[in-house]
Amino acid sequence: MPILYNLILIVMSAALFSYFLYNIVISELISKRSQASKFEKIIDVSNQYHRHVKESDKHAA
């Protein structure tokens, strides 16, 4: 009987540990994706600004 109890305890502990590890990994991936998206938006705005400045220089000349 103690063997069955120990086996159940080990399996439940492993399942709980896996669940928390999975949640941490998923939240980190979502965070990195969000940061990458924000960075891409910043780069896009910067590129649009540079295009606008170049077009303004062409019209001014």
PDB file of N, CA and C in Angstrom:
ATOM      1  N   MET A   1       0.812  -1.213   0.000  1.00  0.00           N
ATOM      2  CA  MET A   1       0.000   0.000   0.000  1.00  0.00           C
ATOM      3  C   MET A   1       0.853   1.274   0.000  1.00  0.00           C
ATOM      4  N   PRO A   2       1.952   1.350   0.768  1.00  0.00           N
ATOM      5  CA  PRO A   2       2.770   2.562   0.706  1.00  0.00           C
ATOM      6  C   PRO A   2       3.365   2.797  -0.691  1.00  0.00           C
ATOM      7  N   ILE A   3       3.598   1.712  -1.446  1.00  0.00           N
ATOM      8  CA  ILE A   3       4.143   1.872  -2.796  1.00  0.00           C
ATOM      9  C   ILE A   3       3.131   2.595  -3.676  1.00  0.00           C
ATOM     10  N   LEU A   4       1.866   2.223  -3.578  1.00  0.00           N
ATOM     11  CA  LEU A   4       0.815   2.873  -4.367  1.00  0.00           C
ATOM     12  C   LEU A   4       0.686   4.339  -3.959  1.00  0.00           C
ATOM     13  N   TYR A   5       0.735   4.618  -2.676  1.00  0.00           N
ATOM     14  CA  TYR A   5       0.658   6.001  -2.188  1.00  0.00           C
ATOM     15  C   TYR A   5       1.827   6.823  -2.729  1.00  0.00           C
ATOM     16  N   ASN A   6       3.033   6.272  -2.656  1.00  0.00           N
ATOM     17  CA  ASN A   6       4.212   6.982  -3.162  1.00  0.00           C
ATOM     18  C   ASN A   6       4.121   7.207  -4.666  1.00  0.00           C
ATOM     19  N   LEU A   7       3.630   6.217  -5.389  1.00  0.00           N
ATOM     20  CA  LEU A   7       3.484   6.344  -6.833  1.00  0.00           C
ATOM     21  C   LEU A   7       2.486   7.450  -7.183  1.00  0.00           C
ATOM     22  N   ILE A   8       1.354   7.467  -6.494  1.00  0.00           N
ATOM     23  CA  ILE A   8       0.350   8.512  -6.730  1.00  0.00           C
ATOM     24  C   ILE A   8       0.923   9.880  -6.378  1.00  0.00           C
ATOM     25  N   LEU A   9       1.637   9.963  -5.286  1.00  0.00           N
ATOM     26  CA  LEU A   9       2.243  11.225  -4.864  1.00  0.00           C
ATOM     27  C   LEU A   9       3.252  11.728  -5.902  1.00  0.00           C
ATOM     28  N   ILE A  10       4.078  10.849  -6.411  1.00  0.00           N
ATOM     29  CA  ILE A  10       5.077  11.231  -7.414  1.00  0.00           C
ATOM     30  C   ILE A  10       4.401  11.677  -8.705  1.00  0.00           C
ATOM     31  N   VAL A  11       3.398  10.943  -9.142  1.00  0.00           N
ATOM     32  CA  VAL A  11       2.701  11.290 -10.389  1.00  0.00           C
ATOM     33  C   VAL A  11       1.991  12.630 -10.249  1.00  0.00           C
ATOM     34  N   MET A  12       1.320  12.846  -9.136  1.00  0.00           N
ATOM     35  CA  MET A  12       0.607  14.113  -8.940  1.00  0.00           C
ATOM     36  C   MET A  12       1.590  15.278  -8.829  1.00  0.00           C
ATOM     37  N   SER A  13       2.702  15.064  -8.162  1.00  0.00           N
ATOM     38  CA  SER A  13       3.719  16.118  -8.055  1.00  0.00           C
ATOM     39  C   SER A  13       4.298  16.447  -9.425  1.00  0.00           C
ATOM     40  N   ALA A  14       4.564  15.438 -10.220  1.00  0.00           N
ATOM     41  CA  ALA A  14       5.100  15.656 -11.565  1.00  0.00           C
ATOM     42  C   ALA A  14       4.082  16.394 -12.431  1.00  0.00           C
ATOM     43  N   ALA A  15       2.808  16.031 -12.304  1.00  0.00           N
ATOM     44  CA  ALA A  15       1.770  16.701 -13.084  1.00  0.00           C
ATOM     45  C   ALA A  15       1.649  18.168 -12.678  1.00  0.00           C
ATOM     46  N   LEU A  16       1.692  18.435 -11.393  1.00  0.00           N
ATOM     47  CA  LEU A  16       1.604  19.813 -10.908  1.00  0.00           C
ATOM     48  C   LEU A  16       2.818  20.627 -11.359  1.00  0.00           C
ATOM     49  N   PHE A  17       3.994  20.053 -11.248  1.00  0.00           N
ATOM     50  CA  PHE A  17       5.214  20.728 -11.689  1.00  0.00           C
ATOM     51  C   PHE A  17       5.162  21.005 -13.191  1.00  0.00           C
ATOM     52  N   SER A  18       4.709  20.038 -13.967  1.00  0.00           N
ATOM     53  CA  SER A  18       4.605  20.214 -15.419  1.00  0.00           C
ATOM     54  C   SER A  18       3.619  21.311 -15.765  1.00  0.00           C
ATOM     55  N   TYR A  19       2.509  21.371 -15.054  1.00  0.00           N
ATOM     56  CA  TYR A  19       1.499  22.397 -15.308  1.00  0.00           C
ATOM     57  C   TYR A  19       2.073  23.792 -15.063  1.00  0.00           C
ATOM     58  N   PHE A  20       2.763  23.983 -13.944  1.00  0.00           N
ATOM     59  CA  PHE A  20       3.347  25.291 -13.646  1.00  0.00           C
ATOM     60  C   PHE A  20       4.453  25.641 -14.641  1.00  0.00           C
ATOM     61  N   LEU A  21       5.266  24.676 -14.990  1.00  0.00           N
ATOM     62  CA  LEU A  21       6.318  24.913 -15.974  1.00  0.00           C
ATOM     63  C   LEU A  21       5.713  25.297 -17.319  1.00  0.00           C
ATOM     64  N   TYR A  22       4.661  24.611 -17.724  1.00  0.00           N
ATOM     65  CA  TYR A  22       3.968  24.902 -18.981  1.00  0.00           C
ATOM     66  C   TYR A  22       3.406  26.320 -18.957  1.00  0.00           C
ATOM     67  N   ASN A  23       2.790  26.711 -17.846  1.00  0.00           N
ATOM     68  CA  ASN A  23       2.240  28.068 -17.736  1.00  0.00           C
ATOM     69  C   ASN A  23       3.334  29.121 -17.837  1.00  0.00           C
ATOM     70  N   ILE A  24       4.460  28.885 -17.205  1.00  0.00           N
ATOM     71  CA  ILE A  24       5.564  29.845 -17.256  1.00  0.00           C
ATOM     72  C   ILE A  24       6.084  29.970 -18.682  1.00  0.00           C
ATOM     73  N   VAL A  25       6.274  28.850 -19.352  1.00  0.00           N
ATOM     74  CA  VAL A  25       6.794  28.867 -20.727  1.00  0.00           C
ATOM     75  C   VAL A  25       5.820  29.579 -21.652  1.00  0.00           C
ATOM     76  N   ILE A  26       4.532  29.269 -21.545  1.00  0.00           N
ATOM     77  CA  ILE A  26       3.530  29.901 -22.404  1.00  0.00           C
ATOM     78  C   ILE A  26       3.479  31.402 -22.145  1.00  0.00           C
ATOM     79  N   SER A  27       3.503  31.822 -20.887  1.00  0.00           N
ATOM     80  CA  SER A  27       3.446  33.256 -20.596  1.00  0.00           C
ATOM     81  C   SER A  27       4.691  33.970 -21.119  1.00  0.00           C
ATOM     82  N   GLU A  28       5.855  33.322 -21.056  1.00  0.00           N
ATOM     83  CA  GLU A  28       7.077  33.926 -21.600  1.00  0.00           C
ATOM     84  C   GLU A  28       6.993  34.056 -23.115  1.00  0.00           C
ATOM     85  N   LEU A  29       6.455  33.042 -23.774  1.00  0.00           N
ATOM     86  CA  LEU A  29       6.322  33.111 -25.232  1.00  0.00           C
ATOM     87  C   LEU A  29       5.372  34.229 -25.642  1.00  0.00           C
ATOM     88  N   ILE A  30       4.268  34.370 -24.919  1.00  0.00           N
ATOM     89  CA  ILE A  30       3.312  35.435 -25.222  1.00  0.00           C
ATOM     90  C   ILE A  30       3.965  36.789 -24.993  1.00  0.00           C
ATOM     91  N   SER A  31       4.729  36.911 -23.924  1.00  0.00           N
ATOM     92  CA  SER A  31       5.413  38.168 -23.620  1.00  0.00           C
ATOM     93  C   SER A  31       6.413  38.520 -24.717  1.00  0.00           C
ATOM     94  N   LYS A  32       7.190  37.546 -25.161  1.00  0.00           N
ATOM     95  CA  LYS A  32       8.179  37.800 -26.213  1.00  0.00           C
ATOM     96  C   LYS A  32       7.490  38.176 -27.519  1.00  0.00           C
ATOM     97  N   ARG A  33       6.383  37.521 -27.832  1.00  0.00           N
ATOM     98  CA  ARG A  33       5.646  37.838 -29.060  1.00  0.00           C
ATOM     99  C   ARG A  33       5.101  39.257 -28.990  1.00  0.00           C
ATOM    100  N   SER A  34       4.608  39.647 -27.830  1.00  0.00           N
ATOM    101  CA  SER A  34       4.080  41.001 -27.648  1.00  0.00           C
ATOM    102  C   SER A  34       5.191  42.033 -27.793  1.00  0.00           C
ATOM    103  N   GLN A  35       6.350  41.756 -27.206  1.00  0.00           N
ATOM    104  CA  GLN A  35       7.479  42.679 -27.320  1.00  0.00           C
ATOM    105  C   GLN A  35       7.937  42.798 -28.766  1.00  0.00           C
ATOM    106  N   ALA A  36       7.967  41.675 -29.481  1.00  0.00           N
ATOM    107  CA  ALA A  36       8.377  41.703 -30.886  1.00  0.00           C
ATOM    108  C   ALA A  36       7.387  42.508 -31.709  1.00  0.00           C
ATOM    109  N   SER A  37       6.109  42.357 -31.409  1.00  0.00           N
ATOM    110  CA  SER A  37       5.084  43.111 -32.131  1.00  0.00           C
ATOM    111  C   SER A  37       5.242  44.609 -31.892  1.00  0.00           C
ATOM    112  N   LYS A  38       5.482  44.998 -30.657  1.00  0.00           N
ATOM    113  CA  LYS A  38       5.676  46.419 -30.347  1.00  0.00           C
ATOM    114  C   LYS A  38       6.921  46.960 -31.045  1.00  0.00           C
ATOM    115  N   PHE A  39       7.992  46.177 -31.064  1.00  0.00           N
ATOM    116  CA  PHE A  39       9.224  46.605 -31.716  1.00  0.00           C
ATOM    117  C   PHE A  39       8.995  46.788 -33.217  1.00  0.00           C
ATOM    118  N   GLU A  40       8.252  45.854 -33.836  1.00  0.00           N
ATOM    119  CA  GLU A  40       7.963  45.968 -35.265  1.00  0.00           C
ATOM    120  C   GLU A  40       7.139  47.214 -35.560  1.00  0.00           C
ATOM    121  N   LYS A  41       6.215  47.554 -34.672  1.00  0.00           N
ATOM    122  CA  LYS A  41       5.419  48.770 -34.863  1.00  0.00           C
ATOM    123  C   LYS A  41       6.302  50.010 -34.783  1.00  0.00           C
ATOM    124  N   ILE A  42       7.238  50.021 -33.849  1.00  0.00           N
ATOM    125  CA  ILE A  42       8.151  51.164 -33.715  1.00  0.00           C
ATOM    126  C   ILE A  42       9.003  51.307 -34.974  1.00  0.00           C
ATOM    127  N   ILE A  43       9.527  50.196 -35.477  1.00  0.00           N
ATOM    128  CA  ILE A  43      10.340  50.231 -36.696  1.00  0.00           C
ATOM    129  C   ILE A  43       9.502  50.706 -37.876  1.00  0.00           C
ATOM    130  N   ASP A  44       8.256  50.262 -37.954  1.00  0.00           N
ATOM    131  CA  ASP A  44       7.368  50.671 -39.044  1.00  0.00           C
ATOM    132  C   ASP A  44       7.119  52.176 -39.007  1.00  0.00           C
ATOM    133  N   VAL A  45       6.848  52.710 -37.826  1.00  0.00           N
ATOM    134  CA  VAL A  45       6.630  54.154 -37.694  1.00  0.00           C
ATOM    135  C   VAL A  45       7.896  54.912 -38.077  1.00  0.00           C
ATOM    136  N   SER A  46       9.045  54.400 -37.670  1.00  0.00           N
ATOM    137  CA  SER A  46      10.312  55.040 -38.015  1.00  0.00           C
ATOM    138  C   SER A  46      10.518  55.045 -39.530  1.00  0.00           C
ATOM    139  N   ASN A  47      10.232  53.935 -40.178  1.00  0.00           N
ATOM    140  CA  ASN A  47      10.378  53.862 -41.637  1.00  0.00           C
ATOM    141  C   ASN A  47       9.416  54.813 -42.335  1.00  0.00           C
ATOM    142  N   GLN A  48       8.189  54.894 -41.837  1.00  0.00           N
ATOM    143  CA  GLN A  48       7.217  55.821 -42.423  1.00  0.00           C
ATOM    144  C   GLN A  48       7.690  57.259 -42.268  1.00  0.00           C
ATOM    145  N   TYR A  49       8.264  57.592 -41.135  1.00  0.00           N
ATOM    146  CA  TYR A  49       8.773  58.949 -40.906  1.00  0.00           C
ATOM    147  C   TYR A  49       9.918  59.265 -41.873  1.00  0.00           C
ATOM    148  N   HIS A  50      10.833  58.305 -42.035  1.00  0.00           N
ATOM    149  CA  HIS A  50      11.953  58.523 -42.954  1.00  0.00           C
ATOM    150  C   HIS A  50      11.452  58.708 -44.388  1.00  0.00           C
ATOM    151  N   ARG A  51      10.448  57.921 -44.789  1.00  0.00           N
ATOM    152  CA  ARG A  51       9.862  58.080 -46.119  1.00  0.00           C
ATOM    153  C   ARG A  51       9.245  59.464 -46.271  1.00  0.00           C
ATOM    154  N   HIS A  52       8.538  59.890 -45.251  1.00  0.00           N
ATOM    155  CA  HIS A  52       7.887  61.203 -45.274  1.00  0.00           C
ATOM    156  C   HIS A  52       8.924  62.319 -45.393  1.00  0.00           C
ATOM    157  N   VAL A  53      10.015  62.204 -44.645  1.00  0.00           N
ATOM    158  CA  VAL A  53      11.071  63.222 -44.697  1.00  0.00           C
ATOM    159  C   VAL A  53      11.706  63.255 -46.084  1.00  0.00           C
ATOM    160  N   LYS A  54      11.968  62.082 -46.664  1.00  0.00           N
ATOM    161  CA  LYS A  54      12.564  62.035 -48.006  1.00  0.00           C
ATOM    162  C   LYS A  54      11.628  62.656 -49.039  1.00  0.00           C
ATOM    163  N   GLU A  55      10.325  62.348 -48.934  1.00  0.00           N
ATOM    164  CA  GLU A  55       9.359  62.918 -49.873  1.00  0.00           C
ATOM    165  C   GLU A  55       9.265  64.429 -49.700  1.00  0.00           C
ATOM    166  N   SER A  56       9.326  64.897 -48.475  1.00  0.00           N
ATOM    167  CA  SER A  56       9.279  66.341 -48.215  1.00  0.00           C
ATOM    168  C   SER A  56      10.501  67.033 -48.804  1.00  0.00           C
ATOM    169  N   ASP A  57      11.664  66.377 -48.702  1.00  0.00           N
ATOM    170  CA  ASP A  57      12.885  66.948 -49.270  1.00  0.00           C
ATOM    171  C   ASP A  57      12.803  67.013 -50.793  1.00  0.00           C
ATOM    172  N   LYS A  58      12.196  66.003 -51.411  1.00  0.00           N
ATOM    173  CA  LYS A  58      12.064  66.002 -52.871  1.00  0.00           C
ATOM    174  C   LYS A  58      11.151  67.131 -53.335  1.00  0.00           C
ATOM    175  N   HIS A  59      10.050  67.357 -52.606  1.00  0.00           N
ATOM    176  CA  HIS A  59       9.104  68.407 -52.982  1.00  0.00           C
ATOM    177  C   HIS A  59       9.679  69.793 -52.721  1.00  0.00           C
ATOM    178  N   ALA A  60      10.527  69.910 -51.720  1.00  0.00           N
ATOM    179  CA  ALA A  60      11.107  71.216 -51.379  1.00  0.00           C
ATOM    180  C   ALA A  60      12.183  71.626 -52.388  1.00  0.00           C
ATOM    181  N   ALA A  61      12.824  70.648 -52.998  1.00  0.00           N
ATOM    182  CA  ALA A  61      13.929  70.960 -53.926  1.00  0.00           C
ATOM    183  C   ALA A  61      13.459  71.365 -55.288  1.00  0.00           C
TER     184      ALA A  61
END
